[in-house]
Amino acid sequence: MVIRRVGPLSCAKIAGTLYAVIGLIVGGIFSLVAIAGGFGANTQGSSMIGAMIGTGSIIMFPIIYGCMGFIGSLIVAAIYNVLAGAVGGVEVDLQ
């Protein structure tokens, strides 16, 4: 069995969703570090800044990671289709 073509949009949707979940996990970790005081010195407003960075990371990381994963996999799938047409694709042995 040879994979000759990959649907770029379907591949991009799956990868974008996967990267958004990864972004949510990374954003949660980043948020915990920020709220715990990992950013900024021990000054008057540093806990408020850490809370804002933490909250922002939970929102922004999944969006940024998801968009980057979607666009990146869309490009890679399109390039694969061009190269698979020239080279012959990937051979897969299934049982």
PDB file of N, CA and C in Angstrom:
ATOM      1  N   MET A   1       0.859  -1.174   0.000  1.00  0.00           N
ATOM      2  CA  MET A   1       0.000   0.000   0.000  1.00  0.00           C
ATOM      3  C   MET A   1       0.904   1.236   0.000  1.00  0.00           C
ATOM      4  N   VAL A   2       0.614   2.171  -0.870  1.00  0.00           N
ATOM      5  CA  VAL A   2       1.423   3.377  -0.992  1.00  0.00           C
ATOM      6  C   VAL A   2       0.539   4.598  -0.773  1.00  0.00           C
ATOM      7  N   ILE A   3       0.969   5.476   0.100  1.00  0.00           N
ATOM      8  CA  ILE A   3       0.250   6.734   0.329  1.00  0.00           C
ATOM      9  C   ILE A   3       0.708   7.727  -0.730  1.00  0.00           C
ATOM     10  N   ARG A   4      -0.163   8.021  -1.669  1.00  0.00           N
ATOM     11  CA  ARG A   4       0.187   8.907  -2.777  1.00  0.00           C
ATOM     12  C   ARG A   4      -0.269  10.348  -2.549  1.00  0.00           C
ATOM     13  N   ARG A   5      -1.263  10.531  -1.694  1.00  0.00           N
ATOM     14  CA  ARG A   5      -1.786  11.880  -1.467  1.00  0.00           C
ATOM     15  C   ARG A   5      -2.333  11.972  -0.052  1.00  0.00           C
ATOM     16  N   VAL A   6      -2.111  13.118   0.556  1.00  0.00           N
ATOM     17  CA  VAL A   6      -2.641  13.426   1.873  1.00  0.00           C
ATOM     18  C   VAL A   6      -3.522  14.660   1.725  1.00  0.00           C
ATOM     19  N   GLY A   7      -4.708  14.635   2.300  1.00  0.00           N
ATOM     20  CA  GLY A   7      -5.584  15.805   2.250  1.00  0.00           C
ATOM     21  C   GLY A   7      -5.004  16.923   3.115  1.00  0.00           C
ATOM     22  N   PRO A   8      -4.491  18.003   2.506  1.00  0.00           N
ATOM     23  CA  PRO A   8      -3.840  19.051   3.286  1.00  0.00           C
ATOM     24  C   PRO A   8      -4.756  19.681   4.336  1.00  0.00           C
ATOM     25  N   LEU A   9      -6.002  19.919   3.998  1.00  0.00           N
ATOM     26  CA  LEU A   9      -6.902  20.574   4.946  1.00  0.00           C
ATOM     27  C   LEU A   9      -7.256  19.657   6.111  1.00  0.00           C
ATOM     28  N   SER A  10      -7.497  18.372   5.834  1.00  0.00           N
ATOM     29  CA  SER A  10      -7.812  17.455   6.929  1.00  0.00           C
ATOM     30  C   SER A  10      -6.598  17.248   7.830  1.00  0.00           C
ATOM     31  N   CYS A  11      -5.428  17.174   7.235  1.00  0.00           N
ATOM     32  CA  CYS A  11      -4.192  17.048   8.020  1.00  0.00           C
ATOM     33  C   CYS A  11      -3.980  18.302   8.868  1.00  0.00           C
ATOM     34  N   ALA A  12      -4.238  19.474   8.296  1.00  0.00           N
ATOM     35  CA  ALA A  12      -4.062  20.735   9.013  1.00  0.00           C
ATOM     36  C   ALA A  12      -5.053  20.875  10.163  1.00  0.00           C
ATOM     37  N   LYS A  13      -6.287  20.400   9.970  1.00  0.00           N
ATOM     38  CA  LYS A  13      -7.273  20.479  11.059  1.00  0.00           C
ATOM     39  C   LYS A  13      -6.868  19.621  12.249  1.00  0.00           C
ATOM     40  N   ILE A  14      -6.409  18.424  11.971  1.00  0.00           N
ATOM     41  CA  ILE A  14      -5.977  17.524  13.047  1.00  0.00           C
ATOM     42  C   ILE A  14      -4.750  18.101  13.754  1.00  0.00           C
ATOM     43  N   ALA A  15      -3.767  18.534  12.989  1.00  0.00           N
ATOM     44  CA  ALA A  15      -2.542  19.071  13.587  1.00  0.00           C
ATOM     45  C   ALA A  15      -2.825  20.358  14.345  1.00  0.00           C
ATOM     46  N   GLY A  16      -3.680  21.224  13.808  1.00  0.00           N
ATOM     47  CA  GLY A  16      -4.027  22.462  14.501  1.00  0.00           C
ATOM     48  C   GLY A  16      -4.695  22.201  15.835  1.00  0.00           C
ATOM     49  N   THR A  17      -5.594  21.224  15.867  1.00  0.00           N
ATOM     50  CA  THR A  17      -6.256  20.859  17.119  1.00  0.00           C
ATOM     51  C   THR A  17      -5.266  20.254  18.109  1.00  0.00           C
ATOM     52  N   LEU A  18      -4.397  19.388  17.618  1.00  0.00           N
ATOM     53  CA  LEU A  18      -3.385  18.778  18.475  1.00  0.00           C
ATOM     54  C   LEU A  18      -2.458  19.839  19.073  1.00  0.00           C
ATOM     55  N   TYR A  19      -2.005  20.759  18.258  1.00  0.00           N
ATOM     56  CA  TYR A  19      -1.124  21.820  18.745  1.00  0.00           C
ATOM     57  C   TYR A  19      -1.850  22.762  19.696  1.00  0.00           C
ATOM     58  N   ALA A  20      -3.145  22.977  19.503  1.00  0.00           N
ATOM     59  CA  ALA A  20      -3.907  23.807  20.435  1.00  0.00           C
ATOM     60  C   ALA A  20      -3.982  23.146  21.807  1.00  0.00           C
ATOM     61  N   VAL A  21      -4.156  21.830  21.838  1.00  0.00           N
ATOM     62  CA  VAL A  21      -4.164  21.107  23.115  1.00  0.00           C
ATOM     63  C   VAL A  21      -2.791  21.194  23.777  1.00  0.00           C
ATOM     64  N   ILE A  22      -1.741  21.032  22.988  1.00  0.00           N
ATOM     65  CA  ILE A  22      -0.386  21.181  23.526  1.00  0.00           C
ATOM     66  C   ILE A  22      -0.181  22.600  24.045  1.00  0.00           C
ATOM     67  N   GLY A  23      -0.683  23.596  23.320  1.00  0.00           N
ATOM     68  CA  GLY A  23      -0.590  24.987  23.762  1.00  0.00           C
ATOM     69  C   GLY A  23      -1.333  25.232  25.064  1.00  0.00           C
ATOM     70  N   LEU A  24      -2.462  24.558  25.249  1.00  0.00           N
ATOM     71  CA  LEU A  24      -3.205  24.686  26.497  1.00  0.00           C
ATOM     72  C   LEU A  24      -2.399  24.117  27.669  1.00  0.00           C
ATOM     73  N   ILE A  25      -1.747  23.001  27.436  1.00  0.00           N
ATOM     74  CA  ILE A  25      -0.916  22.403  28.482  1.00  0.00           C
ATOM     75  C   ILE A  25       0.273  23.303  28.802  1.00  0.00           C
ATOM     76  N   VAL A  26       0.963  23.775  27.770  1.00  0.00           N
ATOM     77  CA  VAL A  26       2.115  24.659  27.981  1.00  0.00           C
ATOM     78  C   VAL A  26       1.669  25.966  28.620  1.00  0.00           C
ATOM     79  N   GLY A  27       0.533  26.497  28.184  1.00  0.00           N
ATOM     80  CA  GLY A  27       0.001  27.725  28.784  1.00  0.00           C
ATOM     81  C   GLY A  27      -0.354  27.540  30.244  1.00  0.00           C
ATOM     82  N   GLY A  28      -0.886  26.375  30.600  1.00  0.00           N
ATOM     83  CA  GLY A  28      -1.194  26.090  31.999  1.00  0.00           C
ATOM     84  C   GLY A  28       0.053  26.032  32.859  1.00  0.00           C
ATOM     85  N   ILE A  29       1.095  25.398  32.337  1.00  0.00           N
ATOM     86  CA  ILE A  29       2.361  25.342  33.069  1.00  0.00           C
ATOM     87  C   ILE A  29       2.956  26.737  33.205  1.00  0.00           C
ATOM     88  N   PHE A  30       2.947  27.486  32.124  1.00  0.00           N
ATOM     89  CA  PHE A  30       3.457  28.858  32.132  1.00  0.00           C
ATOM     90  C   PHE A  30       2.664  29.702  33.117  1.00  0.00           C
ATOM     91  N   SER A  31       1.367  29.493  33.173  1.00  0.00           N
ATOM     92  CA  SER A  31       0.497  30.228  34.083  1.00  0.00           C
ATOM     93  C   SER A  31       0.839  29.927  35.538  1.00  0.00           C
ATOM     94  N   LEU A  32       1.037  28.658  35.847  1.00  0.00           N
ATOM     95  CA  LEU A  32       1.386  28.280  37.214  1.00  0.00           C
ATOM     96  C   LEU A  32       2.712  28.908  37.648  1.00  0.00           C
ATOM     97  N   VAL A  33       3.682  28.913  36.751  1.00  0.00           N
ATOM     98  CA  VAL A  33       4.973  29.519  37.065  1.00  0.00           C
ATOM     99  C   VAL A  33       4.822  31.025  37.261  1.00  0.00           C
ATOM    100  N   ALA A  34       4.035  31.666  36.404  1.00  0.00           N
ATOM    101  CA  ALA A  34       3.849  33.112  36.498  1.00  0.00           C
ATOM    102  C   ALA A  34       3.119  33.503  37.774  1.00  0.00           C
ATOM    103  N   ILE A  35       2.091  32.778  38.127  1.00  0.00           N
ATOM    104  CA  ILE A  35       1.312  33.099  39.321  1.00  0.00           C
ATOM    105  C   ILE A  35       2.116  32.795  40.590  1.00  0.00           C
ATOM    106  N   ALA A  36       2.963  31.766  40.527  1.00  0.00           N
ATOM    107  CA  ALA A  36       3.770  31.409  41.691  1.00  0.00           C
ATOM    108  C   ALA A  36       4.888  32.413  41.945  1.00  0.00           C
ATOM    109  N   GLY A  37       5.080  33.337  41.032  1.00  0.00           N
ATOM    110  CA  GLY A  37       6.093  34.372  41.247  1.00  0.00           C
ATOM    111  C   GLY A  37       7.372  34.113  40.502  1.00  0.00           C
ATOM    112  N   GLY A  38       7.298  33.297  39.482  1.00  0.00           N
ATOM    113  CA  GLY A  38       8.484  33.004  38.699  1.00  0.00           C
ATOM    114  C   GLY A  38       8.926  34.164  37.835  1.00  0.00           C
ATOM    115  N   PHE A  39       8.060  35.119  37.597  1.00  0.00           N
ATOM    116  CA  PHE A  39       8.400  36.282  36.786  1.00  0.00           C
ATOM    117  C   PHE A  39       8.351  37.524  37.640  1.00  0.00           C
ATOM    118  N   GLY A  40       9.314  38.393  37.446  1.00  0.00           N
ATOM    119  CA  GLY A  40       9.317  39.665  38.170  1.00  0.00           C
ATOM    120  C   GLY A  40       9.956  39.537  39.536  1.00  0.00           C
ATOM    121  N   ALA A  41      10.390  40.646  40.039  1.00  0.00           N
ATOM    122  CA  ALA A  41      11.010  40.674  41.357  1.00  0.00           C
ATOM    123  C   ALA A  41       9.921  40.801  42.421  1.00  0.00           C
ATOM    124  N   ASN A  42      10.294  40.742  43.656  1.00  0.00           N
ATOM    125  CA  ASN A  42       9.343  40.887  44.754  1.00  0.00           C
ATOM    126  C   ASN A  42       9.063  42.362  44.998  1.00  0.00           C
ATOM    127  N   THR A  43       8.308  42.933  44.127  1.00  0.00           N
ATOM    128  CA  THR A  43       7.910  44.328  44.263  1.00  0.00           C
ATOM    129  C   THR A  43       6.418  44.390  44.494  1.00  0.00           C
ATOM    130  N   GLN A  44       5.925  45.590  44.630  1.00  0.00           N
ATOM    131  CA  GLN A  44       4.522  45.811  44.982  1.00  0.00           C
ATOM    132  C   GLN A  44       3.559  45.184  43.982  1.00  0.00           C
ATOM    133  N   GLY A  45       3.769  45.389  42.689  1.00  0.00           N
ATOM    134  CA  GLY A  45       2.802  44.928  41.687  1.00  0.00           C
ATOM    135  C   GLY A  45       3.188  43.653  40.976  1.00  0.00           C
ATOM    136  N   SER A  46       4.224  42.957  41.415  1.00  0.00           N
ATOM    137  CA  SER A  46       4.688  41.790  40.666  1.00  0.00           C
ATOM    138  C   SER A  46       3.680  40.643  40.692  1.00  0.00           C
ATOM    139  N   SER A  47       2.920  40.483  41.761  1.00  0.00           N
ATOM    140  CA  SER A  47       1.934  39.399  41.791  1.00  0.00           C
ATOM    141  C   SER A  47       0.793  39.666  40.820  1.00  0.00           C
ATOM    142  N   MET A  48       0.430  40.927  40.659  1.00  0.00           N
ATOM    143  CA  MET A  48      -0.626  41.272  39.695  1.00  0.00           C
ATOM    144  C   MET A  48      -0.139  41.065  38.266  1.00  0.00           C
ATOM    145  N   ILE A  49       1.109  41.421  38.002  1.00  0.00           N
ATOM    146  CA  ILE A  49       1.676  41.216  36.667  1.00  0.00           C
ATOM    147  C   ILE A  49       1.772  39.720  36.379  1.00  0.00           C
ATOM    148  N   GLY A  50       2.194  38.931  37.367  1.00  0.00           N
ATOM    149  CA  GLY A  50       2.265  37.483  37.189  1.00  0.00           C
ATOM    150  C   GLY A  50       0.909  36.878  36.898  1.00  0.00           C
ATOM    151  N   ALA A  51      -0.123  37.373  37.559  1.00  0.00           N
ATOM    152  CA  ALA A  51      -1.480  36.880  37.323  1.00  0.00           C
ATOM    153  C   ALA A  51      -1.957  37.231  35.917  1.00  0.00           C
ATOM    154  N   MET A  52      -1.625  38.428  35.448  1.00  0.00           N
ATOM    155  CA  MET A  52      -2.027  38.828  34.095  1.00  0.00           C
ATOM    156  C   MET A  52      -1.280  38.013  33.048  1.00  0.00           C
ATOM    157  N   ILE A  53       0.014  37.794  33.258  1.00  0.00           N
ATOM    158  CA  ILE A  53       0.784  36.973  32.321  1.00  0.00           C
ATOM    159  C   ILE A  53       0.253  35.539  32.326  1.00  0.00           C
ATOM    160  N   GLY A  54      -0.050  35.019  33.504  1.00  0.00           N
ATOM    161  CA  GLY A  54      -0.570  33.660  33.606  1.00  0.00           C
ATOM    162  C   GLY A  54      -1.894  33.478  32.911  1.00  0.00           C
ATOM    163  N   THR A  55      -2.799  34.424  33.117  1.00  0.00           N
ATOM    164  CA  THR A  55      -4.105  34.355  32.470  1.00  0.00           C
ATOM    165  C   THR A  55      -3.969  34.513  30.960  1.00  0.00           C
ATOM    166  N   GLY A  56      -3.137  35.429  30.548  1.00  0.00           N
ATOM    167  CA  GLY A  56      -2.912  35.635  29.114  1.00  0.00           C
ATOM    168  C   GLY A  56      -2.306  34.424  28.436  1.00  0.00           C
ATOM    169  N   SER A  57      -1.430  33.722  29.153  1.00  0.00           N
ATOM    170  CA  SER A  57      -0.787  32.557  28.546  1.00  0.00           C
ATOM    171  C   SER A  57      -1.776  31.413  28.320  1.00  0.00           C
ATOM    172  N   ILE A  58      -2.756  31.267  29.198  1.00  0.00           N
ATOM    173  CA  ILE A  58      -3.759  30.216  29.011  1.00  0.00           C
ATOM    174  C   ILE A  58      -4.622  30.510  27.786  1.00  0.00           C
ATOM    175  N   ILE A  59      -4.812  31.775  27.482  1.00  0.00           N
ATOM    176  CA  ILE A  59      -5.620  32.161  26.325  1.00  0.00           C
ATOM    177  C   ILE A  59      -4.783  32.189  25.048  1.00  0.00           C
ATOM    178  N   MET A  60      -3.592  32.781  25.111  1.00  0.00           N
ATOM    179  CA  MET A  60      -2.802  33.010  23.897  1.00  0.00           C
ATOM    180  C   MET A  60      -2.039  31.781  23.406  1.00  0.00           C
ATOM    181  N   PHE A  61      -1.483  30.966  24.304  1.00  0.00           N
ATOM    182  CA  PHE A  61      -0.687  29.826  23.865  1.00  0.00           C
ATOM    183  C   PHE A  61      -1.483  28.866  22.987  1.00  0.00           C
ATOM    184  N   PRO A  62      -2.708  28.453  23.364  1.00  0.00           N
ATOM    185  CA  PRO A  62      -3.449  27.551  22.469  1.00  0.00           C
ATOM    186  C   PRO A  62      -3.767  28.182  21.114  1.00  0.00           C
ATOM    187  N   ILE A  63      -4.056  29.471  21.102  1.00  0.00           N
ATOM    188  CA  ILE A  63      -4.354  30.140  19.832  1.00  0.00           C
ATOM    189  C   ILE A  63      -3.120  30.178  18.946  1.00  0.00           C
ATOM    190  N   ILE A  64      -1.993  30.590  19.517  1.00  0.00           N
ATOM    191  CA  ILE A  64      -0.760  30.699  18.734  1.00  0.00           C
ATOM    192  C   ILE A  64      -0.284  29.320  18.283  1.00  0.00           C
ATOM    193  N   TYR A  65      -0.236  28.351  19.200  1.00  0.00           N
ATOM    194  CA  TYR A  65       0.208  27.003  18.840  1.00  0.00           C
ATOM    195  C   TYR A  65      -0.731  26.386  17.800  1.00  0.00           C
ATOM    196  N   GLY A  66      -2.037  26.550  17.984  1.00  0.00           N
ATOM    197  CA  GLY A  66      -2.999  25.986  17.038  1.00  0.00           C
ATOM    198  C   GLY A  66      -2.845  26.559  15.645  1.00  0.00           C
ATOM    199  N   CYS A  67      -2.683  27.869  15.550  1.00  0.00           N
ATOM    200  CA  CYS A  67      -2.498  28.513  14.237  1.00  0.00           C
ATOM    201  C   CYS A  67      -1.196  28.076  13.583  1.00  0.00           C
ATOM    202  N   MET A  68      -0.126  28.022  14.375  1.00  0.00           N
ATOM    203  CA  MET A  68       1.161  27.601  13.819  1.00  0.00           C
ATOM    204  C   MET A  68       1.107  26.143  13.358  1.00  0.00           C
ATOM    205  N   GLY A  69       0.466  25.277  14.132  1.00  0.00           N
ATOM    206  CA  GLY A  69       0.333  23.871  13.740  1.00  0.00           C
ATOM    207  C   GLY A  69      -0.519  23.701  12.499  1.00  0.00           C
ATOM    208  N   PHE A  70      -1.606  24.478  12.413  1.00  0.00           N
ATOM    209  CA  PHE A  70      -2.485  24.407  11.246  1.00  0.00           C
ATOM    210  C   PHE A  70      -1.752  24.833   9.978  1.00  0.00           C
ATOM    211  N   ILE A  71      -1.127  25.990  10.022  1.00  0.00           N
ATOM    212  CA  ILE A  71      -0.442  26.521   8.840  1.00  0.00           C
ATOM    213  C   ILE A  71       0.754  25.650   8.467  1.00  0.00           C
ATOM    214  N   GLY A  72       1.522  25.245   9.478  1.00  0.00           N
ATOM    215  CA  GLY A  72       2.699  24.417   9.202  1.00  0.00           C
ATOM    216  C   GLY A  72       2.341  23.085   8.573  1.00  0.00           C
ATOM    217  N   SER A  73       1.337  22.402   9.111  1.00  0.00           N
ATOM    218  CA  SER A  73       0.968  21.100   8.556  1.00  0.00           C
ATOM    219  C   SER A  73       0.275  21.234   7.206  1.00  0.00           C
ATOM    220  N   LEU A  74      -0.428  22.331   6.981  1.00  0.00           N
ATOM    221  CA  LEU A  74      -1.026  22.575   5.668  1.00  0.00           C
ATOM    222  C   LEU A  74       0.067  22.691   4.603  1.00  0.00           C
ATOM    223  N   ILE A  75       1.119  23.422   4.923  1.00  0.00           N
ATOM    224  CA  ILE A  75       2.240  23.580   3.996  1.00  0.00           C
ATOM    225  C   ILE A  75       2.962  22.256   3.785  1.00  0.00           C
ATOM    226  N   VAL A  76       3.231  21.537   4.872  1.00  0.00           N
ATOM    227  CA  VAL A  76       3.952  20.267   4.770  1.00  0.00           C
ATOM    228  C   VAL A  76       3.144  19.246   3.982  1.00  0.00           C
ATOM    229  N   ALA A  77       1.832  19.173   4.192  1.00  0.00           N
ATOM    230  CA  ALA A  77       1.009  18.220   3.447  1.00  0.00           C
ATOM    231  C   ALA A  77       0.978  18.562   1.958  1.00  0.00           C
ATOM    232  N   ALA A  78       0.931  19.849   1.640  1.00  0.00           N
ATOM    233  CA  ALA A  78       0.949  20.250   0.231  1.00  0.00           C
ATOM    234  C   ALA A  78       2.289  19.901  -0.418  1.00  0.00           C
ATOM    235  N   ILE A  79       3.374  20.131   0.297  1.00  0.00           N
ATOM    236  CA  ILE A  79       4.695  19.775  -0.227  1.00  0.00           C
ATOM    237  C   ILE A  79       4.814  18.264  -0.391  1.00  0.00           C
ATOM    238  N   TYR A  80       4.282  17.504   0.570  1.00  0.00           N
ATOM    239  CA  TYR A  80       4.306  16.045   0.467  1.00  0.00           C
ATOM    240  C   TYR A  80       3.591  15.586  -0.798  1.00  0.00           C
ATOM    241  N   ASN A  81       2.438  16.182  -1.083  1.00  0.00           N
ATOM    242  CA  ASN A  81       1.681  15.776  -2.271  1.00  0.00           C
ATOM    243  C   ASN A  81       2.475  16.014  -3.545  1.00  0.00           C
ATOM    244  N   VAL A  82       3.184  17.119  -3.606  1.00  0.00           N
ATOM    245  CA  VAL A  82       4.008  17.412  -4.786  1.00  0.00           C
ATOM    246  C   VAL A  82       5.146  16.401  -4.893  1.00  0.00           C
ATOM    247  N   LEU A  83       5.840  16.170  -3.781  1.00  0.00           N
ATOM    248  CA  LEU A  83       6.964  15.240  -3.805  1.00  0.00           C
ATOM    249  C   LEU A  83       6.523  13.797  -4.002  1.00  0.00           C
ATOM    250  N   ALA A  84       5.386  13.410  -3.428  1.00  0.00           N
ATOM    251  CA  ALA A  84       4.890  12.049  -3.598  1.00  0.00           C
ATOM    252  C   ALA A  84       4.526  11.779  -5.050  1.00  0.00           C
ATOM    253  N   GLY A  85       4.059  12.797  -5.735  1.00  0.00           N
ATOM    254  CA  GLY A  85       3.765  12.644  -7.159  1.00  0.00           C
ATOM    255  C   GLY A  85       5.025  12.418  -7.966  1.00  0.00           C
ATOM    256  N   ALA A  86       6.115  13.043  -7.550  1.00  0.00           N
ATOM    257  CA  ALA A  86       7.371  12.901  -8.285  1.00  0.00           C
ATOM    258  C   ALA A  86       8.135  11.638  -7.888  1.00  0.00           C
ATOM    259  N   VAL A  87       8.109  11.294  -6.609  1.00  0.00           N
ATOM    260  CA  VAL A  87       8.921  10.191  -6.101  1.00  0.00           C
ATOM    261  C   VAL A  87       8.124   8.898  -5.997  1.00  0.00           C
ATOM    262  N   GLY A  88       6.852   8.984  -5.683  1.00  0.00           N
ATOM    263  CA  GLY A  88       6.042   7.777  -5.609  1.00  0.00           C
ATOM    264  C   GLY A  88       5.330   7.570  -4.292  1.00  0.00           C
ATOM    265  N   GLY A  89       5.565   8.374  -3.304  1.00  0.00           N
ATOM    266  CA  GLY A  89       4.843   8.263  -2.046  1.00  0.00           C
ATOM    267  C   GLY A  89       5.556   7.403  -1.016  1.00  0.00           C
ATOM    268  N   VAL A  90       4.886   7.222   0.118  1.00  0.00           N
ATOM    269  CA  VAL A  90       5.407   6.433   1.220  1.00  0.00           C
ATOM    270  C   VAL A  90       4.749   5.065   1.186  1.00  0.00           C
ATOM    271  N   GLU A  91       5.562   4.030   1.265  1.00  0.00           N
ATOM    272  CA  GLU A  91       5.027   2.676   1.251  1.00  0.00           C
ATOM    273  C   GLU A  91       4.733   2.248   2.688  1.00  0.00           C
ATOM    274  N   VAL A  92       3.504   1.761   2.909  1.00  0.00           N
ATOM    275  CA  VAL A  92       3.062   1.330   4.218  1.00  0.00           C
ATOM    276  C   VAL A  92       2.583  -0.111   4.116  1.00  0.00           C
ATOM    277  N   ASP A  93       3.011  -0.947   5.037  1.00  0.00           N
ATOM    278  CA  ASP A  93       2.591  -2.344   5.065  1.00  0.00           C
ATOM    279  C   ASP A  93       1.581  -2.507   6.203  1.00  0.00           C
ATOM    280  N   LEU A  94       0.320  -2.792   5.851  1.00  0.00           N
ATOM    281  CA  LEU A  94      -0.751  -2.953   6.838  1.00  0.00           C
ATOM    282  C   LEU A  94      -1.196  -4.402   6.896  1.00  0.00           C
ATOM    283  N   GLN A  95      -1.623  -4.830   8.084  1.00  0.00           N
ATOM    284  CA  GLN A  95      -2.161  -6.186   8.223  1.00  0.00           C
ATOM    285  C   GLN A  95      -3.597  -6.135   8.602  1.00  0.00           C
TER     286      GLN A  95
END
